[in-house]
């Protein structure tokens, strides 16, 4: 006789939703949507799985059927609910070097604009920050990944002859990613909404300045 799937456990007081009304169509997606909202509002340090489960309309037991812990949720939010970086940085996209870097810089600003409010609260909790850092290292993740990915792309362009052979690709990646992070910090500090047009303009300025020292004469 086939086994019966576990029922989803809802938080007390929640009523079942009609089929087709849940965001993105599933329990895991609803939990991720709630996690992104709670983490953005309260910061990662102050967010709890209990809060997230309640915001999603489920119990913590249901949350833990889909995610191992808060770090697992955080990484899923970065990957699935924020502007994606991984594929853009890992690939060697078609197009000119400048166009590719402008696209990368614009997307990176969007990523940091959304992720900065989530992670900033960790810096006020040294013990929690240390535990979070250790867990990210265990999973092979961390804030160094965007620089690593961009360095790999720049080295591929260097091998193709579009970047000077003596250029330091790691330093160039740090400069571009650092500029994007700085813009995101200033926007977050000023409580400005993300503006794609402004991000594109800033990206072009950063890239043009960088390429002046990277491209062959």
Protein backbone atom coordinates (compact mmCIF):
# COMPACT_ATOMS: atom_id res chain seq x y z
CA UNK A 1 0.00 0.00 0.00
CA UNK A 2 1.53 3.37 -0.94
CA UNK A 3 2.60 5.61 1.91
CA UNK A 4 0.70 8.80 2.61
CA UNK A 5 2.75 12.01 2.27
CA UNK A 6 3.24 14.05 5.42
CA UNK A 7 0.74 16.83 5.74
CA UNK A 8 1.99 20.39 5.88
CA UNK A 9 1.66 21.76 9.38
CA UNK A 10 0.21 25.24 9.51
CA UNK A 11 0.73 27.78 12.24
CA UNK A 12 -2.15 28.08 14.73
CA UNK A 13 -4.95 30.26 13.42
CA UNK A 14 -3.99 29.92 9.76
CA UNK A 15 -6.62 28.79 7.30
CA UNK A 16 -5.95 26.74 4.18
CA UNK A 17 -5.58 28.77 1.01
CA UNK A 18 -7.40 27.96 -2.17
CA UNK A 19 -5.39 26.03 -4.70
CA UNK A 20 -3.38 28.27 -6.98
CA UNK A 21 -3.27 31.30 -4.68
CA UNK A 22 0.13 30.68 -3.09
CA UNK A 23 3.09 32.73 -4.36
CA UNK A 24 5.18 30.69 -6.82
CA UNK A 25 3.01 27.62 -6.18
CA UNK A 26 4.58 25.63 -3.34
CA UNK A 27 5.38 25.38 0.36
CA UNK A 28 9.12 25.79 -0.14
CA UNK A 29 8.62 28.87 -2.31
CA UNK A 30 6.24 30.43 0.18
CA UNK A 31 8.75 29.89 2.98
CA UNK A 32 11.51 31.43 0.84
CA UNK A 33 9.35 34.46 0.06
CA UNK A 34 8.67 34.92 3.77
CA UNK A 35 12.36 34.45 4.64
CA UNK A 36 13.40 37.13 2.14
CA UNK A 37 10.83 39.54 3.56
CA UNK A 38 11.67 38.90 7.22
CA UNK A 39 15.45 38.93 6.69
CA UNK A 40 15.29 42.15 4.69
CA UNK A 41 13.13 43.81 7.33
CA UNK A 42 14.85 42.55 10.50
CA UNK A 43 18.33 41.53 9.32
CA UNK A 44 19.77 38.06 9.46
CA UNK A 45 20.93 38.30 13.09
CA UNK A 46 17.46 39.09 14.42
CA UNK A 47 15.45 36.85 12.11
CA UNK A 48 14.35 33.49 13.50
CA UNK A 49 12.99 30.38 11.84
CA UNK A 50 9.92 30.74 14.04
CA UNK A 51 9.23 34.24 12.66
CA UNK A 52 9.80 33.07 9.10
CA UNK A 53 7.55 30.03 9.47
CA UNK A 54 4.77 32.15 10.96
CA UNK A 55 5.10 34.76 8.18
CA UNK A 56 4.78 31.95 5.64
CA UNK A 57 1.74 30.51 7.40
CA UNK A 58 3.41 27.27 8.47
CA UNK A 59 4.91 25.73 11.59
CA UNK A 60 8.65 25.43 12.17
CA UNK A 61 8.26 21.67 11.66
CA UNK A 62 7.18 22.29 8.08
CA UNK A 63 10.02 24.77 7.53
CA UNK A 64 12.56 22.17 8.64
CA UNK A 65 11.21 19.68 6.12
CA UNK A 66 12.54 21.98 3.40
CA UNK A 67 15.57 23.70 5.00
CA UNK A 68 18.25 22.44 7.39
CA UNK A 69 18.61 25.66 9.38
CA UNK A 70 18.64 29.45 9.09
CA UNK A 71 21.92 29.43 7.18
CA UNK A 72 20.41 27.07 4.63
CA UNK A 73 17.48 29.48 4.29
CA UNK A 74 19.82 32.47 3.96
CA UNK A 75 21.81 30.83 1.17
CA UNK A 76 18.60 29.88 -0.63
CA UNK A 77 17.35 33.47 -0.37
CA UNK A 78 20.62 34.77 -1.84
CA UNK A 79 20.45 32.26 -4.68
CA UNK A 80 16.74 32.26 -5.47
CA UNK A 81 15.26 35.56 -4.28
CA UNK A 82 17.99 38.11 -4.99
CA UNK A 83 19.33 39.25 -8.37
CA UNK A 84 21.42 36.25 -9.54
CA UNK A 85 25.19 36.54 -9.77
CA UNK A 86 26.43 32.98 -10.01
CA UNK A 87 25.58 32.18 -13.61
CA UNK A 88 26.60 35.61 -14.84
CA UNK A 89 30.02 35.43 -13.22
CA UNK A 90 30.78 31.77 -13.88
CA UNK A 91 29.98 31.86 -17.58
CA UNK A 92 31.97 33.46 -20.36
CA UNK A 93 29.10 35.35 -21.98
CA UNK A 94 29.05 36.48 -25.57
CA UNK A 95 29.52 40.14 -26.35
CA UNK A 96 32.26 42.68 -25.89
CA UNK A 97 34.40 42.81 -22.77
CA UNK A 98 32.95 46.20 -21.88
CA UNK A 99 29.33 45.15 -22.34
CA UNK A 100 29.89 42.02 -20.27
CA UNK A 101 31.51 43.94 -17.42
CA UNK A 102 28.83 46.63 -17.42
CA UNK A 103 26.16 43.93 -17.17
CA UNK A 104 28.07 42.23 -14.34
CA UNK A 105 28.55 45.52 -12.46
CA UNK A 106 24.90 46.53 -12.81
CA UNK A 107 23.71 43.11 -11.60
CA UNK A 108 26.21 43.15 -8.73
CA UNK A 109 24.86 46.50 -7.51
CA UNK A 110 21.35 45.05 -7.52
CA UNK A 111 22.52 41.99 -5.58
CA UNK A 112 24.29 44.02 -2.90
CA UNK A 113 21.45 46.53 -2.67
CA UNK A 114 19.09 43.69 -1.73
CA UNK A 115 21.51 41.66 0.39
CA UNK A 116 23.22 44.43 2.37
CA UNK A 117 20.28 45.06 4.75
CA UNK A 118 20.03 41.31 5.37
CA UNK A 119 23.63 40.68 6.35
CA UNK A 120 24.66 43.98 7.97
CA UNK A 121 23.13 43.14 11.35
CA UNK A 122 25.57 40.24 11.76
CA UNK A 123 28.43 42.67 12.38
CA UNK A 124 26.85 43.78 15.65
CA UNK A 125 26.88 40.18 16.96
CA UNK A 126 30.51 38.92 16.95
CA UNK A 127 29.64 35.45 18.24
CA UNK A 128 26.86 34.98 15.72
CA UNK A 129 29.06 36.35 12.94
CA UNK A 130 31.81 33.84 13.78
CA UNK A 131 29.34 30.96 13.78
CA UNK A 132 27.79 32.12 10.51
CA UNK A 133 31.22 32.51 8.89
CA UNK A 134 32.22 29.00 9.96
CA UNK A 135 29.00 27.57 8.56
CA UNK A 136 29.46 29.36 5.23
CA UNK A 137 33.02 28.04 5.00
CA UNK A 138 31.77 24.52 5.68
CA UNK A 139 29.35 24.87 2.78
CA UNK A 140 31.93 26.35 0.42
CA UNK A 141 30.11 29.69 0.33
CA UNK A 142 30.94 33.22 1.43
CA UNK A 143 31.28 36.87 0.41
CA UNK A 144 34.46 36.14 -1.56
CA UNK A 145 32.54 34.25 -4.23
CA UNK A 146 31.63 37.25 -6.46
CA UNK A 147 35.29 38.34 -6.61
CA UNK A 148 36.41 34.78 -7.32
CA UNK A 149 33.87 34.43 -10.11
CA UNK A 150 34.77 37.75 -11.72
CA UNK A 151 38.48 36.96 -11.45
CA UNK A 152 37.88 33.74 -13.35
CA UNK A 153 36.01 35.59 -16.09
CA UNK A 154 38.73 38.24 -16.41
CA UNK A 155 41.43 35.58 -16.66
CA UNK A 156 39.49 33.92 -19.48
CA UNK A 157 39.40 37.27 -21.29
CA UNK A 158 43.11 37.65 -20.57
CA UNK A 159 43.86 34.29 -22.19
CA UNK A 160 41.84 35.44 -25.20
CA UNK A 161 44.06 38.52 -25.52
CA UNK A 162 41.43 41.12 -24.60
CA UNK A 163 43.15 42.01 -21.32
CA UNK A 164 46.85 42.85 -20.94
CA UNK A 165 49.00 39.83 -20.11
CA UNK A 166 50.57 41.62 -17.14
CA UNK A 167 47.26 42.80 -15.64
CA UNK A 168 46.32 41.65 -12.13
CA UNK A 169 42.87 40.16 -12.72
CA UNK A 170 42.22 39.49 -9.03
CA UNK A 171 42.92 43.13 -8.13
CA UNK A 172 40.74 44.32 -11.02
CA UNK A 173 37.88 42.12 -9.82
CA UNK A 174 38.24 43.48 -6.29
CA UNK A 175 38.12 47.05 -7.58
CA UNK A 176 34.96 46.50 -9.63
CA UNK A 177 33.10 44.47 -7.01
CA UNK A 178 34.23 46.90 -4.31
CA UNK A 179 32.86 49.84 -6.28
CA UNK A 180 29.52 48.08 -6.64
CA UNK A 181 29.41 47.32 -2.91
CA UNK A 182 30.22 50.96 -2.10
CA UNK A 183 27.33 52.23 -4.23
CA UNK A 184 24.99 49.72 -2.59
CA UNK A 185 26.13 50.84 0.86
CA UNK A 186 25.50 54.51 0.06
CA UNK A 187 22.05 53.75 -1.34
CA UNK A 188 21.17 51.63 1.68
CA UNK A 189 22.42 54.34 4.05
CA UNK A 190 20.32 56.95 2.23
CA UNK A 191 17.34 54.54 2.08
CA UNK A 192 17.13 54.93 -1.68
CA UNK A 193 15.20 52.46 -3.80
CA UNK A 194 17.21 50.56 -6.36
CA UNK A 195 17.24 52.37 -9.72
CA UNK A 196 18.30 50.17 -12.67
CA UNK A 197 19.11 53.19 -14.83
CA UNK A 198 21.33 54.74 -12.17
CA UNK A 199 23.03 51.37 -11.61
CA UNK A 200 23.73 51.05 -15.33
CA UNK A 201 25.25 54.54 -15.44
CA UNK A 202 27.45 53.83 -12.43
CA UNK A 203 28.46 50.47 -13.86
CA UNK A 204 29.57 52.07 -17.13
CA UNK A 205 31.66 54.66 -15.26
CA UNK A 206 33.36 52.01 -13.13
CA UNK A 207 34.04 49.73 -16.09
CA UNK A 208 35.39 52.47 -18.37
CA UNK A 209 37.80 53.59 -15.66
CA UNK A 210 38.90 50.01 -15.01
CA UNK A 211 39.36 49.10 -18.66
CA UNK A 212 41.64 52.09 -19.21
CA UNK A 213 44.26 50.19 -17.24
CA UNK A 214 43.40 46.65 -18.37
CA UNK A 215 43.13 46.60 -22.13
CA UNK A 216 46.10 46.35 -24.49
CA UNK A 217 47.33 49.61 -26.01
